[in-house]
Amino acid sequence: MNVFDFAMEMEDSGYEYYSDLARTSS
């Protein structure tokens, strides 16, 4: 499972956080 899949799973509570995390990781 990658960060994008995880973000989609938690889109209700952590989407913005993990989306930003993915952006900084790219």
PDB file of N, CA and C in Angstrom:
ATOM      1  N   MET A   1       0.852  -1.205   0.000  1.00  0.00           N
ATOM      2  CA  MET A   1       0.000   0.000   0.000  1.00  0.00           C
ATOM      3  C   MET A   1       0.883   1.248   0.000  1.00  0.00           C
ATOM      4  N   ASN A   2       0.649   2.129  -0.958  1.00  0.00           N
ATOM      5  CA  ASN A   2       1.428   3.370  -1.003  1.00  0.00           C
ATOM      6  C   ASN A   2       0.675   4.507  -0.327  1.00  0.00           C
ATOM      7  N   VAL A   3       1.296   5.637  -0.222  1.00  0.00           N
ATOM      8  CA  VAL A   3       0.710   6.772   0.500  1.00  0.00           C
ATOM      9  C   VAL A   3      -0.585   7.253  -0.144  1.00  0.00           C
ATOM     10  N   PHE A   4      -0.684   7.142  -1.457  1.00  0.00           N
ATOM     11  CA  PHE A   4      -1.897   7.601  -2.140  1.00  0.00           C
ATOM     12  C   PHE A   4      -3.077   6.695  -1.807  1.00  0.00           C
ATOM     13  N   ASP A   5      -2.837   5.383  -1.794  1.00  0.00           N
ATOM     14  CA  ASP A   5      -3.890   4.447  -1.420  1.00  0.00           C
ATOM     15  C   ASP A   5      -4.331   4.698   0.015  1.00  0.00           C
ATOM     16  N   PHE A   6      -3.361   4.916   0.885  1.00  0.00           N
ATOM     17  CA  PHE A   6      -3.659   5.159   2.291  1.00  0.00           C
ATOM     18  C   PHE A   6      -4.454   6.451   2.456  1.00  0.00           C
ATOM     19  N   ALA A   7      -4.092   7.474   1.697  1.00  0.00           N
ATOM     20  CA  ALA A   7      -4.801   8.748   1.754  1.00  0.00           C
ATOM     21  C   ALA A   7      -6.248   8.566   1.313  1.00  0.00           C
ATOM     22  N   MET A   8      -6.455   7.776   0.290  1.00  0.00           N
ATOM     23  CA  MET A   8      -7.821   7.529  -0.184  1.00  0.00           C
ATOM     24  C   MET A   8      -8.629   6.778   0.865  1.00  0.00           C
ATOM     25  N   GLU A   9      -7.975   5.869   1.561  1.00  0.00           N
ATOM     26  CA  GLU A   9      -8.645   5.115   2.619  1.00  0.00           C
ATOM     27  C   GLU A   9      -9.060   6.039   3.762  1.00  0.00           C
ATOM     28  N   MET A  10      -8.210   7.016   4.057  1.00  0.00           N
ATOM     29  CA  MET A  10      -8.457   7.908   5.190  1.00  0.00           C
ATOM     30  C   MET A  10      -8.857   9.305   4.743  1.00  0.00           C
ATOM     31  N   GLU A  11      -9.426   9.397   3.571  1.00  0.00           N
ATOM     32  CA  GLU A  11      -9.753  10.686   2.975  1.00  0.00           C
ATOM     33  C   GLU A  11     -10.609  11.555   3.906  1.00  0.00           C
ATOM     34  N   ASP A  12     -11.354  10.905   4.803  1.00  0.00           N
ATOM     35  CA  ASP A  12     -12.216  11.654   5.707  1.00  0.00           C
ATOM     36  C   ASP A  12     -11.431  12.379   6.794  1.00  0.00           C
ATOM     37  N   SER A  13     -10.347  11.768   7.262  1.00  0.00           N
ATOM     38  CA  SER A  13      -9.633  12.332   8.413  1.00  0.00           C
ATOM     39  C   SER A  13      -8.204  12.754   8.117  1.00  0.00           C
ATOM     40  N   GLY A  14      -7.603  12.214   7.057  1.00  0.00           N
ATOM     41  CA  GLY A  14      -6.192  12.500   6.848  1.00  0.00           C
ATOM     42  C   GLY A  14      -5.806  12.801   5.413  1.00  0.00           C
ATOM     43  N   TYR A  15      -6.791  13.012   4.552  1.00  0.00           N
ATOM     44  CA  TYR A  15      -6.469  13.203   3.132  1.00  0.00           C
ATOM     45  C   TYR A  15      -5.531  14.376   2.904  1.00  0.00           C
ATOM     46  N   GLU A  16      -5.863  15.512   3.479  1.00  0.00           N
ATOM     47  CA  GLU A  16      -5.039  16.712   3.277  1.00  0.00           C
ATOM     48  C   GLU A  16      -3.622  16.490   3.792  1.00  0.00           C
ATOM     49  N   TYR A  17      -3.506  15.860   4.955  1.00  0.00           N
ATOM     50  CA  TYR A  17      -2.189  15.606   5.554  1.00  0.00           C
ATOM     51  C   TYR A  17      -1.348  14.703   4.655  1.00  0.00           C
ATOM     52  N   TYR A  18      -1.918  13.596   4.228  1.00  0.00           N
ATOM     53  CA  TYR A  18      -1.157  12.649   3.413  1.00  0.00           C
ATOM     54  C   TYR A  18      -0.943  13.165   2.002  1.00  0.00           C
ATOM     55  N   SER A  19      -1.861  13.986   1.508  1.00  0.00           N
ATOM     56  CA  SER A  19      -1.679  14.599   0.194  1.00  0.00           C
ATOM     57  C   SER A  19      -0.476  15.530   0.225  1.00  0.00           C
ATOM     58  N   ASP A  20      -0.361  16.296   1.298  1.00  0.00           N
ATOM     59  CA  ASP A  20       0.788  17.191   1.458  1.00  0.00           C
ATOM     60  C   ASP A  20       2.064  16.373   1.643  1.00  0.00           C
ATOM     61  N   LEU A  21       1.981  15.290   2.385  1.00  0.00           N
ATOM     62  CA  LEU A  21       3.130  14.423   2.610  1.00  0.00           C
ATOM     63  C   LEU A  21       3.606  13.829   1.280  1.00  0.00           C
ATOM     64  N   ALA A  22       2.673  13.406   0.460  1.00  0.00           N
ATOM     65  CA  ALA A  22       3.013  12.843  -0.848  1.00  0.00           C
ATOM     66  C   ALA A  22       3.666  13.904  -1.724  1.00  0.00           C
ATOM     67  N   ARG A  23       3.181  15.137  -1.616  1.00  0.00           N
ATOM     68  CA  ARG A  23       3.736  16.222  -2.415  1.00  0.00           C
ATOM     69  C   ARG A  23       5.194  16.475  -2.034  1.00  0.00           C
ATOM     70  N   THR A  24       5.491  16.471  -0.768  1.00  0.00           N
ATOM     71  CA  THR A  24       6.859  16.732  -0.319  1.00  0.00           C
ATOM     72  C   THR A  24       7.758  15.541  -0.640  1.00  0.00           C
ATOM     73  N   SER A  25       7.174  14.351  -0.752  1.00  0.00           N
ATOM     74  CA  SER A  25       7.955  13.154  -1.049  1.00  0.00           C
ATOM     75  C   SER A  25       8.277  13.048  -2.536  1.00  0.00           C
ATOM     76  N   SER A  26       7.462  13.642  -3.363  1.00  0.00           N
ATOM     77  CA  SER A  26       7.649  13.535  -4.817  1.00  0.00           C
ATOM     78  C   SER A  26       8.914  14.252  -5.246  1.00  0.00           C
TER      79      SER A  26
END
